[in-house]
C-alpha cells in the first residue's frame, strides 16, 4: 500500500468522524469460556486460544499465558501502527520487528509477598527496522507510532475498568 492508497482508505472515515463523533465510538469485545482445569478459551476471530497458568505459577507451558498475550497484543498493535505511519510518511520498511517484553514478579500473583506487584513492573517496546529513511525520519515515525498505538496508549493511561458479577442465580441458565 502506498501513501495515496492509505489516505484514500482513511480519509472518508476521518471526514465522517469529524462530522459524526459518535460514529467513531466502537465497543470491542472479547469473550473467554472457562475450559477444563485451570484454563480459559478465547476466540480471537481467527483462532481459538486457550490460556492457562504460566509455568512460573504451576502451568505446564502448553497453554498461552495471558501476560504473553498482552505483550503479543502490544507488539501486534505497534507493528500495524508502525506500518501505517511509515506508509503515510512515504517510507518503505523492507523488514522490521517489534519486540515487547515485560518483567513480572510471580510472588505477587501467587500471594507470596504482599509488597510484590501483581502485574508487570516494566514493559519495554523496541522497534527494529530496515529502510532507507534517515535516523531523524525513523525517530519521527516511531514517535507518531507511539502516539497512535491503541494498546500502548491504553496500557499507559490505565482506563477505568468496571468489574461485575453477572452470575446466573440458582436454577437460571447462563445468559438467560
Protein backbone atom coordinates (compact mmCIF):
# COMPACT_ATOMS: atom_id res chain seq x y z
CA UNK A 1 0.00 0.00 0.00
CA UNK A 2 1.28 3.46 -0.80
CA UNK A 3 0.53 6.77 0.98
CA UNK A 4 -2.18 7.74 -1.51
CA UNK A 5 -4.00 4.40 -1.12
CA UNK A 6 -3.86 4.66 2.67
CA UNK A 7 -5.16 8.24 2.56
CA UNK A 8 -7.97 7.22 0.17
CA UNK A 9 -8.90 4.42 2.55
CA UNK A 10 -8.89 6.53 5.72
CA UNK A 11 -9.95 9.98 4.53
CA UNK A 12 -13.69 9.20 4.23
CA UNK A 13 -13.62 7.73 7.73
CA UNK A 14 -11.82 10.76 9.15
CA UNK A 15 -14.31 13.13 7.48
CA UNK A 16 -17.26 11.15 8.81
CA UNK A 17 -15.84 11.05 12.33
CA UNK A 18 -15.32 14.83 12.25
CA UNK A 19 -18.98 15.30 11.32
CA UNK A 20 -20.37 12.49 13.48
CA UNK A 21 -18.20 11.91 16.53
CA UNK A 22 -20.49 9.11 17.75
CA UNK A 23 -19.78 7.12 14.58
CA UNK A 24 -16.18 6.72 15.76
CA UNK A 25 -17.19 5.13 19.07
CA UNK A 26 -16.91 1.36 18.78
CA UNK A 27 -17.09 -1.22 21.55
CA UNK A 28 -14.67 -4.09 21.07
CA UNK A 29 -15.42 -7.31 22.90
CA UNK A 30 -13.58 -10.47 23.80
CA UNK A 31 -15.20 -13.44 25.48
CA UNK A 32 -13.44 -16.24 27.30
CA UNK A 33 -15.15 -19.55 28.03
CA UNK A 34 -13.84 -21.41 31.05
CA UNK A 35 -12.16 -24.61 29.93
CA UNK A 36 -11.20 -27.81 31.67
CA UNK A 37 -8.86 -27.48 34.60
CA UNK A 38 -7.47 -24.01 35.10
CA UNK A 39 -7.96 -22.68 31.57
CA UNK A 40 -9.99 -20.17 29.60
CA UNK A 41 -10.68 -20.37 25.85
CA UNK A 42 -10.76 -17.10 23.91
CA UNK A 43 -11.99 -16.97 20.32
CA UNK A 44 -9.87 -14.33 18.62
CA UNK A 45 -11.98 -14.38 15.48
CA UNK A 46 -9.06 -16.01 13.70
CA UNK A 47 -8.20 -18.85 16.06
CA UNK A 48 -9.19 -20.30 19.39
CA UNK A 49 -6.61 -19.59 22.06
CA UNK A 50 -6.59 -21.49 25.33
CA UNK A 51 -4.99 -19.55 28.13
CA UNK A 52 -3.75 -21.21 31.27
CA UNK A 53 -1.26 -20.88 34.06
CA UNK A 54 2.26 -19.77 33.26
CA UNK A 55 4.88 -22.36 34.28
CA UNK A 56 6.04 -19.94 36.99
CA UNK A 57 2.59 -20.33 38.61
CA UNK A 58 2.19 -24.08 38.12
CA UNK A 59 1.26 -24.38 34.45
CA UNK A 60 2.85 -26.92 32.13
CA UNK A 61 3.53 -24.45 29.32
CA UNK A 62 1.08 -25.99 26.84
CA UNK A 63 -1.42 -23.12 27.14
CA UNK A 64 -0.97 -19.47 26.32
CA UNK A 65 -0.10 -17.20 29.23
CA UNK A 66 -2.32 -14.13 29.42
CA UNK A 67 0.74 -11.99 30.17
CA UNK A 68 2.31 -13.19 26.94
CA UNK A 69 -0.97 -12.45 25.15
CA UNK A 70 -0.90 -8.87 26.45
CA UNK A 71 2.63 -8.40 25.11
CA UNK A 72 1.62 -10.05 21.82
CA UNK A 73 -1.31 -7.63 21.51
CA UNK A 74 1.08 -4.73 22.16
CA UNK A 75 3.59 -5.97 19.57
CA UNK A 76 0.85 -6.57 17.00
CA UNK A 77 -0.78 -3.17 17.52
CA UNK A 78 2.57 -1.36 17.46
CA UNK A 79 3.57 -3.25 14.32
CA UNK A 80 0.37 -2.41 12.45
CA UNK A 81 0.58 1.21 13.60
CA UNK A 82 4.25 1.42 12.57
CA UNK A 83 3.40 0.11 9.08
CA UNK A 84 0.54 2.60 8.70
CA UNK A 85 2.62 5.55 9.90
CA UNK A 86 5.60 4.63 7.72
CA UNK A 87 3.25 4.30 4.75
CA UNK A 88 1.71 7.70 5.49
CA UNK A 89 5.23 9.17 5.60
CA UNK A 90 6.06 7.52 2.28
CA UNK A 91 8.77 5.39 3.89
CA UNK A 92 9.16 1.80 2.76
CA UNK A 93 10.04 -0.63 5.52
CA UNK A 94 11.82 -3.56 3.90
CA UNK A 95 11.83 -5.54 7.12
CA UNK A 96 11.02 -4.91 10.71
CA UNK A 97 10.35 -6.44 14.08
CA UNK A 98 8.56 -5.18 17.14
CA UNK A 99 9.77 -6.66 20.40
CA UNK A 100 7.61 -6.30 23.51
CA UNK A 101 8.92 -7.66 26.77
CA UNK A 102 7.84 -7.20 30.33
CA UNK A 103 9.03 -8.06 33.81
CA UNK A 104 6.80 -9.95 36.25
CA UNK A 105 7.43 -10.94 39.84
CA UNK A 106 5.23 -14.01 40.25
CA UNK A 107 5.35 -13.67 44.04
CA UNK A 108 2.66 -11.01 43.60
CA UNK A 109 0.08 -13.07 41.73
CA UNK A 110 0.74 -16.11 43.92
CA UNK A 111 0.23 -14.06 47.08
CA UNK A 112 3.69 -14.96 48.39
CA UNK A 113 4.80 -11.38 49.07
CA UNK A 114 2.32 -8.58 49.65
CA UNK A 115 4.90 -6.00 48.58
CA UNK A 116 5.43 -7.70 45.20
CA UNK A 117 3.31 -6.13 42.45
CA UNK A 118 0.63 -8.13 40.71
CA UNK A 119 1.26 -7.44 37.05
CA UNK A 120 4.11 -6.11 35.01
CA UNK A 121 6.57 -3.83 36.78
CA UNK A 122 8.06 -2.70 33.47
CA UNK A 123 7.24 -3.19 29.80
CA UNK A 124 9.73 -2.40 27.06
CA UNK A 125 8.87 -1.91 23.39
CA UNK A 126 11.62 -1.92 20.77
CA UNK A 127 11.43 -1.39 17.02
CA UNK A 128 13.97 -2.95 14.67
CA UNK A 129 13.54 -1.62 11.15
CA UNK A 130 15.29 -1.79 7.80
CA UNK A 131 14.61 1.13 5.46
CA UNK A 132 16.33 3.88 3.54
CA UNK A 133 14.91 6.54 5.85
CA UNK A 134 17.39 8.60 7.84
CA UNK A 135 17.53 8.34 11.63
CA UNK A 136 15.57 11.57 12.21
CA UNK A 137 12.72 10.39 9.97
CA UNK A 138 12.61 6.99 11.68
CA UNK A 139 12.62 8.68 15.09
CA UNK A 140 9.60 10.74 13.99
CA UNK A 141 7.84 7.62 12.64
CA UNK A 142 8.44 5.80 15.93
CA UNK A 143 7.19 8.82 17.92
CA UNK A 144 4.00 9.00 15.85
CA UNK A 145 3.58 5.22 16.16
CA UNK A 146 3.95 5.55 19.93
CA UNK A 147 1.34 8.30 19.99
CA UNK A 148 -1.28 6.37 17.99
CA UNK A 149 -0.77 2.76 19.11
CA UNK A 150 -4.07 1.88 20.83
CA UNK A 151 -2.71 -0.90 23.05
CA UNK A 152 0.34 1.10 24.14
CA UNK A 153 -1.73 4.16 25.00
CA UNK A 154 -4.29 2.00 26.83
CA UNK A 155 -1.58 0.43 28.97
CA UNK A 156 -0.07 3.85 29.67
CA UNK A 157 -3.26 5.68 30.54
CA UNK A 158 -4.94 2.91 32.57
CA UNK A 159 -8.58 3.39 31.64
CA UNK A 160 -11.39 2.98 34.12
CA UNK A 161 -12.17 -0.74 34.32
CA UNK A 162 -15.53 -1.88 35.68
CA UNK A 163 -15.67 -5.41 37.07
CA UNK A 164 -19.04 -7.03 37.73
CA UNK A 165 -20.50 -10.38 38.64
CA UNK A 166 -23.34 -11.35 36.35
CA UNK A 167 -23.56 -14.95 37.55
CA UNK A 168 -26.81 -16.80 36.98
CA UNK A 169 -28.88 -17.37 40.08
CA UNK A 170 -29.92 -20.80 41.33
CA UNK A 171 -31.81 -22.58 38.58
CA UNK A 172 -31.06 -19.91 36.00
CA UNK A 173 -29.10 -20.79 32.93
CA UNK A 174 -26.15 -18.59 31.94
CA UNK A 175 -27.15 -15.89 29.51
CA UNK A 176 -30.83 -16.12 30.42
